[in-house]
Amino acid sequence: MGRGPVQLRRIENKINRQVTFSKRRNGLLKKAHEISVLCDADVALIVFSTKGKLYEFSSHSSMEGILERYQRYSFDERAVLEPNTEDQENWGDEYGILKSKLDALQKSQRQLLGEQLDTLTTKELQQLEHQLEYSLKHIRSKKNQLLFESISELQKKEKSLKNQNNVLQKITTKAVLEVKPFCLHSSEQLMETEKEKNNAIINTNREEQNGATPSTSSPTPVTAPDPIPTTNNSQSQPRGSGESEAQPSPAQAGNSKLPPWMLRTSHT
């Protein structure tokens, strides 16, 4: 059968009480060491015997560090839970100081905006004026700095756009130079083709005129065609049955670009 619950009470026998104290003390120190090692906790144990003898255990090398830490935490906790009257008085004084500072700052702000200037003296107004001038100077300096930075950025963009424009001009010029010889060659071919066509038309007109005129009749003067392929109708005027000479008409001489001596033909 198991042991029943043991009623905790003071041991009357002095010897037994001393033996139990020694056993429980050693067990308590052992448990404190184990919890400090297993749980990495800061443990401090203080035991006084009935005779006033001190027994202690500390997980650190010194007990003072743990005790100071305990006092600090216990003091802060008591200060929160039980505020001191002196602290409350200090808080009241601090509130008054902060309130006066806030009022002074609000008043200064209103004066900077041009309000509540009636109570100021001449010296105070001069100080306020100097303060405003200094603030205005600082604001203008900052504004000029921002403007210069903006101008510099725009100049950089302008330079970049100019470089891009120069590159595009070079590319366009190169393309034009590559296409120009082809265009010139094509125009020369067209001119040569037109010239050959005009020559062919002139030869055809001469052959037709020579084949249509009989040998007994007076020869008809042949006029050279204009550069544009056109045909000119010439008229023959016989002078007699004997020896005759064909002369080009004034209209023919004016329209023809050949000299007059080439238009004269002798009748055989």
C-alpha atoms as a PDB file:
ATOM      1  CA  MET A   1       0.000   0.000   0.000  1.00  0.00           C
ATOM      2  CA  GLY A   2       1.219   3.520  -0.811  1.00  0.00           C
ATOM      3  CA  ARG A   3       1.943   6.194   1.655  1.00  0.00           C
ATOM      4  CA  GLY A   4      -0.845   8.565   2.446  1.00  0.00           C
ATOM      5  CA  PRO A   5      -0.579  12.320   2.436  1.00  0.00           C
ATOM      6  CA  VAL A   6       1.864  13.674   4.985  1.00  0.00           C
ATOM      7  CA  GLN A   7       0.631  16.557   7.042  1.00  0.00           C
ATOM      8  CA  LEU A   8       3.161  19.399   6.992  1.00  0.00           C
ATOM      9  CA  ARG A   9       3.864  20.733  10.430  1.00  0.00           C
ATOM     10  CA  ARG A  10       6.828  21.724  12.547  1.00  0.00           C
ATOM     11  CA  ILE A  11       8.956  18.822  13.773  1.00  0.00           C
ATOM     12  CA  GLU A  12       9.014  18.936  17.491  1.00  0.00           C
ATOM     13  CA  ASN A  13      12.115  16.807  17.942  1.00  0.00           C
ATOM     14  CA  LYS A  14      15.144  19.067  17.643  1.00  0.00           C
ATOM     15  CA  ILE A  15      17.470  16.354  16.323  1.00  0.00           C
ATOM     16  CA  ASN A  16      15.003  15.130  13.759  1.00  0.00           C
ATOM     17  CA  ARG A  17      14.334  18.730  12.708  1.00  0.00           C
ATOM     18  CA  GLN A  18      18.055  19.337  12.177  1.00  0.00           C
ATOM     19  CA  VAL A  19      18.444  16.143  10.123  1.00  0.00           C
ATOM     20  CA  THR A  20      15.421  16.982   7.977  1.00  0.00           C
ATOM     21  CA  PHE A  21      16.757  20.530   7.398  1.00  0.00           C
ATOM     22  CA  SER A  22      20.094  19.184   6.197  1.00  0.00           C
ATOM     23  CA  LYS A  23      18.471  16.708   3.808  1.00  0.00           C
ATOM     24  CA  ARG A  24      15.934  19.141   2.380  1.00  0.00           C
ATOM     25  CA  ARG A  25      18.542  21.900   2.070  1.00  0.00           C
ATOM     26  CA  ASN A  26      20.829  19.728  -0.033  1.00  0.00           C
ATOM     27  CA  GLY A  27      17.906  18.623  -2.176  1.00  0.00           C
ATOM     28  CA  LEU A  28      16.777  22.236  -2.671  1.00  0.00           C
ATOM     29  CA  LEU A  29      20.282  23.344  -3.753  1.00  0.00           C
ATOM     30  CA  LYS A  30      20.460  20.390  -6.144  1.00  0.00           C
ATOM     31  CA  LYS A  31      17.104  21.297  -7.708  1.00  0.00           C
ATOM     32  CA  ALA A  32      18.168  24.942  -8.128  1.00  0.00           C
ATOM     33  CA  HIS A  33      21.359  23.833  -9.921  1.00  0.00           C
ATOM     34  CA  GLU A  34      19.400  21.481 -12.194  1.00  0.00           C
ATOM     35  CA  ILE A  35      16.866  24.087 -13.242  1.00  0.00           C
ATOM     36  CA  SER A  36      19.619  26.620 -13.982  1.00  0.00           C
ATOM     37  CA  VAL A  37      21.432  24.109 -16.209  1.00  0.00           C
ATOM     38  CA  LEU A  38      18.448  22.483 -17.921  1.00  0.00           C
ATOM     39  CA  CYS A  39      16.427  25.662 -18.521  1.00  0.00           C
ATOM     40  CA  ASP A  40      19.299  28.215 -18.843  1.00  0.00           C
ATOM     41  CA  ALA A  41      17.664  30.314 -16.122  1.00  0.00           C
ATOM     42  CA  ASP A  42      19.162  32.764 -13.674  1.00  0.00           C
ATOM     43  CA  VAL A  43      18.650  31.264 -10.210  1.00  0.00           C
ATOM     44  CA  ALA A  44      19.573  32.646  -6.832  1.00  0.00           C
ATOM     45  CA  LEU A  45      18.804  30.751  -3.620  1.00  0.00           C
ATOM     46  CA  ILE A  46      19.239  32.077  -0.071  1.00  0.00           C
ATOM     47  CA  VAL A  47      18.555  29.959   3.011  1.00  0.00           C
ATOM     48  CA  PHE A  48      19.037  30.878   6.681  1.00  0.00           C
ATOM     49  CA  SER A  49      18.992  28.179   9.341  1.00  0.00           C
ATOM     50  CA  THR A  50      17.336  28.548  12.746  1.00  0.00           C
ATOM     51  CA  LYS A  51      20.702  29.485  14.143  1.00  0.00           C
ATOM     52  CA  GLY A  52      21.155  32.249  11.525  1.00  0.00           C
ATOM     53  CA  LYS A  53      23.633  30.402   9.337  1.00  0.00           C
ATOM     54  CA  LEU A  54      23.518  31.406   5.618  1.00  0.00           C
ATOM     55  CA  TYR A  55      23.327  28.910   2.760  1.00  0.00           C
ATOM     56  CA  GLU A  56      23.161  30.297  -0.797  1.00  0.00           C
ATOM     57  CA  PHE A  57      23.325  29.240  -4.455  1.00  0.00           C
ATOM     58  CA  SER A  58      23.766  31.429  -7.559  1.00  0.00           C
ATOM     59  CA  SER A  59      23.848  30.379 -11.182  1.00  0.00           C
ATOM     60  CA  HIS A  60      26.266  33.286 -11.850  1.00  0.00           C
ATOM     61  CA  SER A  61      29.660  33.803 -10.330  1.00  0.00           C
ATOM     62  CA  SER A  62      28.304  36.479  -8.018  1.00  0.00           C
ATOM     63  CA  MET A  63      25.020  36.865  -6.178  1.00  0.00           C
ATOM     64  CA  GLU A  64      25.130  40.686  -6.385  1.00  0.00           C
ATOM     65  CA  GLY A  65      24.215  40.840 -10.073  1.00  0.00           C
ATOM     66  CA  ILE A  66      21.050  38.817  -9.614  1.00  0.00           C
ATOM     67  CA  LEU A  67      20.071  40.803  -6.517  1.00  0.00           C
ATOM     68  CA  GLU A  68      20.541  44.138  -8.305  1.00  0.00           C
ATOM     69  CA  ARG A  69      18.439  42.871 -11.169  1.00  0.00           C
ATOM     70  CA  TYR A  70      15.753  41.780  -8.731  1.00  0.00           C
ATOM     71  CA  GLN A  71      15.732  45.147  -6.997  1.00  0.00           C
ATOM     72  CA  ARG A  72      15.505  47.029 -10.300  1.00  0.00           C
ATOM     73  CA  TYR A  73      12.537  45.025 -11.560  1.00  0.00           C
ATOM     74  CA  SER A  74      10.760  45.053  -8.233  1.00  0.00           C
ATOM     75  CA  PHE A  75      11.237  48.851  -7.923  1.00  0.00           C
ATOM     76  CA  ASP A  76       9.850  49.519 -11.430  1.00  0.00           C
ATOM     77  CA  GLU A  77       6.878  47.284 -10.733  1.00  0.00           C
ATOM     78  CA  ARG A  78       6.125  49.067  -7.469  1.00  0.00           C
ATOM     79  CA  ALA A  79       6.462  52.467  -9.185  1.00  0.00           C
ATOM     80  CA  VAL A  80       3.832  51.448 -11.734  1.00  0.00           C
ATOM     81  CA  LEU A  81       1.458  49.810  -9.304  1.00  0.00           C
ATOM     82  CA  GLU A  82       1.886  52.315  -6.475  1.00  0.00           C
ATOM     83  CA  PRO A  83       2.829  55.723  -7.868  1.00  0.00           C
ATOM     84  CA  ASN A  84       4.602  57.955  -5.439  1.00  0.00           C
ATOM     85  CA  THR A  85       3.178  61.304  -4.456  1.00  0.00           C
ATOM     86  CA  GLU A  86       6.446  63.057  -5.254  1.00  0.00           C
ATOM     87  CA  ASP A  87       6.441  61.583  -8.732  1.00  0.00           C
ATOM     88  CA  GLN A  88       2.933  62.854  -9.276  1.00  0.00           C
ATOM     89  CA  GLU A  89       3.996  66.335  -8.218  1.00  0.00           C
ATOM     90  CA  ASN A  90       6.973  66.143 -10.635  1.00  0.00           C
ATOM     91  CA  TRP A  91       4.638  65.116 -13.420  1.00  0.00           C
ATOM     92  CA  GLY A  92       2.464  68.130 -12.696  1.00  0.00           C
ATOM     93  CA  ASP A  93       5.451  70.473 -12.884  1.00  0.00           C
ATOM     94  CA  GLU A  94       6.630  68.872 -16.110  1.00  0.00           C
ATOM     95  CA  TYR A  95       3.148  69.257 -17.602  1.00  0.00           C
ATOM     96  CA  GLY A  96       3.165  72.959 -16.754  1.00  0.00           C
ATOM     97  CA  ILE A  97       6.570  73.445 -18.380  1.00  0.00           C
ATOM     98  CA  LEU A  98       5.529  71.622 -21.549  1.00  0.00           C
ATOM     99  CA  LYS A  99       2.261  73.572 -21.700  1.00  0.00           C
ATOM    100  CA  SER A 100       4.087  76.908 -21.494  1.00  0.00           C
ATOM    101  CA  LYS A 101       6.501  75.842 -24.242  1.00  0.00           C
ATOM    102  CA  LEU A 102       3.599  74.852 -26.474  1.00  0.00           C
ATOM    103  CA  ASP A 103       1.880  78.206 -25.934  1.00  0.00           C
ATOM    104  CA  ALA A 104       5.103  80.068 -26.759  1.00  0.00           C
ATOM    105  CA  LEU A 105       5.572  78.104 -29.994  1.00  0.00           C
ATOM    106  CA  GLN A 106       1.982  78.709 -31.072  1.00  0.00           C
ATOM    107  CA  LYS A 107       2.337  82.423 -30.357  1.00  0.00           C
ATOM    108  CA  SER A 108       5.581  82.601 -32.350  1.00  0.00           C
ATOM    109  CA  GLN A 109       3.921  80.829 -35.272  1.00  0.00           C
ATOM    110  CA  ARG A 110       1.021  83.291 -35.296  1.00  0.00           C
ATOM    111  CA  GLN A 111       3.446  86.225 -35.186  1.00  0.00           C
ATOM    112  CA  LEU A 112       5.342  84.831 -38.148  1.00  0.00           C
ATOM    113  CA  LEU A 113       2.044  84.789 -40.010  1.00  0.00           C
ATOM    114  CA  GLY A 114       1.504  88.463 -39.167  1.00  0.00           C
ATOM    115  CA  GLU A 115      -0.970  88.013 -36.325  1.00  0.00           C
ATOM    116  CA  GLN A 116      -0.947  89.285 -32.725  1.00  0.00           C
ATOM    117  CA  LEU A 117       1.712  91.958 -33.349  1.00  0.00           C
ATOM    118  CA  ASP A 118       0.155  94.619 -31.091  1.00  0.00           C
ATOM    119  CA  THR A 119       1.980  93.513 -27.947  1.00  0.00           C
ATOM    120  CA  LEU A 120       5.432  93.464 -29.583  1.00  0.00           C
ATOM    121  CA  THR A 121       7.969  96.242 -29.101  1.00  0.00           C
ATOM    122  CA  THR A 122      10.111  97.799 -31.799  1.00  0.00           C
ATOM    123  CA  LYS A 123      13.070  95.593 -30.953  1.00  0.00           C
ATOM    124  CA  GLU A 124      10.943  92.471 -31.050  1.00  0.00           C
ATOM    125  CA  LEU A 125       9.486  93.523 -34.395  1.00  0.00           C
ATOM    126  CA  GLN A 126      13.011  94.036 -35.786  1.00  0.00           C
ATOM    127  CA  GLN A 127      14.023  90.587 -34.583  1.00  0.00           C
ATOM    128  CA  LEU A 128      10.922  89.123 -36.218  1.00  0.00           C
ATOM    129  CA  GLU A 129      11.755  90.977 -39.443  1.00  0.00           C
ATOM    130  CA  HIS A 130      15.330  89.636 -39.453  1.00  0.00           C
ATOM    131  CA  GLN A 131      14.006  86.154 -38.837  1.00  0.00           C
ATOM    132  CA  LEU A 132      11.600  86.455 -41.762  1.00  0.00           C
ATOM    133  CA  GLU A 133      14.347  87.812 -44.035  1.00  0.00           C
ATOM    134  CA  TYR A 134      16.629  84.916 -43.109  1.00  0.00           C
ATOM    135  CA  SER A 135      13.808  82.438 -43.778  1.00  0.00           C
ATOM    136  CA  LEU A 136      13.012  84.110 -47.107  1.00  0.00           C
ATOM    137  CA  LYS A 137      16.690  84.030 -48.107  1.00  0.00           C
ATOM    138  CA  HIS A 138      16.892  80.336 -47.282  1.00  0.00           C
ATOM    139  CA  ILE A 139      13.715  79.645 -49.265  1.00  0.00           C
ATOM    140  CA  ARG A 140      15.029  81.545 -52.309  1.00  0.00           C
ATOM    141  CA  SER A 141      18.327  79.704 -52.136  1.00  0.00           C
ATOM    142  CA  LYS A 142      16.513  76.385 -52.128  1.00  0.00           C
ATOM    143  CA  LYS A 143      14.304  77.502 -55.022  1.00  0.00           C
ATOM    144  CA  ASN A 144      17.318  78.604 -57.111  1.00  0.00           C
ATOM    145  CA  GLN A 145      19.037  75.311 -56.423  1.00  0.00           C
ATOM    146  CA  LEU A 146      16.006  73.406 -57.685  1.00  0.00           C
ATOM    147  CA  LEU A 147      15.804  75.648 -60.782  1.00  0.00           C
ATOM    148  CA  PHE A 148      19.497  75.108 -61.589  1.00  0.00           C
ATOM    149  CA  GLU A 149      19.093  71.367 -61.222  1.00  0.00           C
ATOM    150  CA  SER A 150      16.079  71.456 -63.533  1.00  0.00           C
ATOM    151  CA  ILE A 151      17.967  73.542 -66.129  1.00  0.00           C
ATOM    152  CA  SER A 152      20.928  71.183 -65.977  1.00  0.00           C
ATOM    153  CA  GLU A 153      18.633  68.225 -66.534  1.00  0.00           C
ATOM    154  CA  LEU A 154      17.003  69.944 -69.527  1.00  0.00           C
ATOM    155  CA  GLN A 155      20.419  70.739 -71.024  1.00  0.00           C
ATOM    156  CA  LYS A 156      21.406  67.102 -70.729  1.00  0.00           C
ATOM    157  CA  LYS A 157      18.197  66.096 -72.504  1.00  0.00           C
ATOM    158  CA  GLU A 158      18.856  68.690 -75.238  1.00  0.00           C
ATOM    159  CA  LYS A 159      22.363  67.350 -75.783  1.00  0.00           C
ATOM    160  CA  SER A 160      21.056  63.816 -75.986  1.00  0.00           C
ATOM    161  CA  LEU A 161      18.409  64.826 -78.552  1.00  0.00           C
ATOM    162  CA  LYS A 162      21.039  66.649 -80.643  1.00  0.00           C
ATOM    163  CA  ASN A 163      23.220  63.561 -80.677  1.00  0.00           C
ATOM    164  CA  GLN A 164      20.267  61.462 -81.789  1.00  0.00           C
ATOM    165  CA  ASN A 165      19.456  64.011 -84.522  1.00  0.00           C
ATOM    166  CA  ASN A 166      23.052  63.942 -85.805  1.00  0.00           C
ATOM    167  CA  VAL A 167      22.982  60.156 -85.935  1.00  0.00           C
ATOM    168  CA  LEU A 168      19.716  60.234 -87.905  1.00  0.00           C
ATOM    169  CA  GLN A 169      21.146  62.820 -90.339  1.00  0.00           C
ATOM    170  CA  LYS A 170      24.208  60.645 -90.957  1.00  0.00           C
ATOM    171  CA  ILE A 171      22.015  57.624 -91.614  1.00  0.00           C
ATOM    172  CA  THR A 172      19.784  59.629 -94.007  1.00  0.00           C
ATOM    173  CA  THR A 173      22.783  61.069 -95.903  1.00  0.00           C
ATOM    174  CA  LYS A 174      24.294  57.616 -96.289  1.00  0.00           C
ATOM    175  CA  ALA A 175      21.019  56.243 -97.629  1.00  0.00           C
ATOM    176  CA  VAL A 176      20.720  59.127-100.143  1.00  0.00           C
ATOM    177  CA  LEU A 177      24.271  58.587-101.382  1.00  0.00           C
ATOM    178  CA  GLU A 178      23.550  54.919-101.880  1.00  0.00           C
ATOM    179  CA  VAL A 179      20.330  55.599-103.843  1.00  0.00           C
ATOM    180  CA  LYS A 180      21.646  58.547-105.984  1.00  0.00           C
ATOM    181  CA  PRO A 181      23.886  56.511-108.388  1.00  0.00           C
ATOM    182  CA  PHE A 182      20.977  54.233-109.141  1.00  0.00           C
ATOM    183  CA  CYS A 183      18.733  57.211-109.929  1.00  0.00           C
ATOM    184  CA  LEU A 184      21.380  58.814-112.196  1.00  0.00           C
ATOM    185  CA  HIS A 185      21.899  55.531-114.037  1.00  0.00           C
ATOM    186  CA  SER A 186      18.152  55.190-114.566  1.00  0.00           C
ATOM    187  CA  SER A 187      17.842  58.774-115.893  1.00  0.00           C
ATOM    188  CA  GLU A 188      20.727  58.219-118.335  1.00  0.00           C
ATOM    189  CA  GLN A 189      19.094  55.051-119.602  1.00  0.00           C
ATOM    190  CA  LEU A 190      15.817  56.923-120.133  1.00  0.00           C
ATOM    191  CA  MET A 191      17.604  59.695-122.071  1.00  0.00           C
ATOM    192  CA  GLU A 192      19.408  57.186-124.302  1.00  0.00           C
ATOM    193  CA  THR A 193      16.155  55.316-124.967  1.00  0.00           C
ATOM    194  CA  GLU A 194      14.368  58.561-125.893  1.00  0.00           C
ATOM    195  CA  LYS A 195      17.223  59.558-128.194  1.00  0.00           C
ATOM    196  CA  GLU A 196      17.182  56.199-129.987  1.00  0.00           C
ATOM    197  CA  LYS A 197      13.409  56.466-130.391  1.00  0.00           C
ATOM    198  CA  ASN A 198      13.696  59.961-131.941  1.00  0.00           C
ATOM    199  CA  ASN A 199      16.405  58.762-134.354  1.00  0.00           C
ATOM    200  CA  ALA A 200      14.264  55.826-135.417  1.00  0.00           C
ATOM    201  CA  ILE A 201      11.291  58.101-136.091  1.00  0.00           C
ATOM    202  CA  ILE A 202      13.454  60.490-138.183  1.00  0.00           C
ATOM    203  CA  ASN A 203      14.827  57.621-140.306  1.00  0.00           C
ATOM    204  CA  THR A 204      11.322  56.226-140.839  1.00  0.00           C
ATOM    205  CA  ASN A 205      10.019  59.594-142.052  1.00  0.00           C
ATOM    206  CA  ARG A 206      12.911  59.993-144.484  1.00  0.00           C
ATOM    207  CA  GLU A 207      12.367  56.533-145.946  1.00  0.00           C
ATOM    208  CA  GLU A 208       8.638  57.166-146.396  1.00  0.00           C
ATOM    209  CA  GLN A 209       9.262  60.509-148.155  1.00  0.00           C
ATOM    210  CA  ASN A 210      11.907  59.039-150.492  1.00  0.00           C
ATOM    211  CA  GLY A 211       9.696  56.099-151.448  1.00  0.00           C
ATOM    212  CA  ALA A 212       6.554  58.195-152.147  1.00  0.00           C
ATOM    213  CA  THR A 213       8.243  60.839-154.501  1.00  0.00           C
ATOM    214  CA  PRO A 214       8.540  59.790-158.322  1.00  0.00           C
ATOM    215  CA  SER A 215      11.850  60.299-160.208  1.00  0.00           C
ATOM    216  CA  THR A 216      10.291  62.658-162.866  1.00  0.00           C
ATOM    217  CA  SER A 217       8.731  65.028-160.451  1.00  0.00           C
ATOM    218  CA  SER A 218      10.540  67.756-158.687  1.00  0.00           C
ATOM    219  CA  PRO A 219      12.028  66.686-155.389  1.00  0.00           C
ATOM    220  CA  THR A 220      10.325  67.792-152.251  1.00  0.00           C
ATOM    221  CA  PRO A 221      12.555  69.396-149.664  1.00  0.00           C
ATOM    222  CA  VAL A 222      12.900  67.317-146.540  1.00  0.00           C
ATOM    223  CA  THR A 223      12.905  69.110-143.248  1.00  0.00           C
ATOM    224  CA  ALA A 224      14.410  67.612-140.145  1.00  0.00           C
ATOM    225  CA  PRO A 225      11.853  66.899-137.384  1.00  0.00           C
ATOM    226  CA  ASP A 226      11.905  68.619-134.040  1.00  0.00           C
ATOM    227  CA  PRO A 227      13.414  66.828-131.040  1.00  0.00           C
ATOM    228  CA  ILE A 228       9.870  65.808-130.189  1.00  0.00           C
ATOM    229  CA  PRO A 229       8.948  63.181-132.770  1.00  0.00           C
ATOM    230  CA  THR A 230       6.539  65.023-135.098  1.00  0.00           C
ATOM    231  CA  THR A 231       6.065  64.982-138.911  1.00  0.00           C
ATOM    232  CA  ASN A 232       6.061  68.187-141.028  1.00  0.00           C
ATOM    233  CA  ASN A 233       4.165  68.178-144.334  1.00  0.00           C
ATOM    234  CA  SER A 234       6.178  69.914-147.036  1.00  0.00           C
ATOM    235  CA  GLN A 235       4.746  71.414-150.231  1.00  0.00           C
ATOM    236  CA  SER A 236       6.533  71.311-153.627  1.00  0.00           C
ATOM    237  CA  GLN A 237       6.142  74.169-156.105  1.00  0.00           C
ATOM    238  CA  PRO A 238       7.444  73.304-159.668  1.00  0.00           C
ATOM    239  CA  ARG A 239       8.679  76.344-161.599  1.00  0.00           C
ATOM    240  CA  GLY A 240       8.658  74.866-165.124  1.00  0.00           C
ATOM    241  CA  SER A 241       9.397  71.917-167.344  1.00  0.00           C
ATOM    242  CA  GLY A 242      13.038  72.801-167.696  1.00  0.00           C
ATOM    243  CA  GLU A 243      15.638  73.288-165.092  1.00  0.00           C
ATOM    244  CA  SER A 244      14.050  74.042-161.731  1.00  0.00           C
ATOM    245  CA  GLU A 245      15.274  74.485-158.190  1.00  0.00           C
ATOM    246  CA  ALA A 246      13.216  73.785-155.041  1.00  0.00           C
ATOM    247  CA  GLN A 247      13.436  76.455-152.382  1.00  0.00           C
ATOM    248  CA  PRO A 248      12.167  75.892-148.799  1.00  0.00           C
ATOM    249  CA  SER A 249       9.235  77.978-147.820  1.00  0.00           C
ATOM    250  CA  PRO A 250       9.693  80.573-145.083  1.00  0.00           C
ATOM    251  CA  ALA A 251       7.523  78.539-142.755  1.00  0.00           C
ATOM    252  CA  GLN A 252       9.614  75.454-143.411  1.00  0.00           C
ATOM    253  CA  ALA A 253      12.842  77.364-142.977  1.00  0.00           C
ATOM    254  CA  GLY A 254      11.577  78.800-139.737  1.00  0.00           C
ATOM    255  CA  ASN A 255      10.401  75.465-138.362  1.00  0.00           C
ATOM    256  CA  SER A 256      13.487  73.539-139.474  1.00  0.00           C
ATOM    257  CA  LYS A 257      16.588  73.531-137.353  1.00  0.00           C
ATOM    258  CA  LEU A 258      18.842  72.541-140.296  1.00  0.00           C
ATOM    259  CA  PRO A 259      20.795  75.191-142.261  1.00  0.00           C
ATOM    260  CA  PRO A 260      19.236  76.371-145.550  1.00  0.00           C
ATOM    261  CA  TRP A 261      21.940  74.861-147.779  1.00  0.00           C
ATOM    262  CA  MET A 262      21.039  71.377-146.557  1.00  0.00           C
ATOM    263  CA  LEU A 263      17.431  71.935-147.598  1.00  0.00           C
ATOM    264  CA  ARG A 264      18.344  72.768-151.206  1.00  0.00           C
ATOM    265  CA  THR A 265      18.199  69.862-153.678  1.00  0.00           C
ATOM    266  CA  SER A 266      19.074  69.961-157.392  1.00  0.00           C
ATOM    267  CA  HIS A 267      16.695  68.533-160.073  1.00  0.00           C
ATOM    268  CA  THR A 268      18.274  66.185-162.590  1.00  0.00           C
END
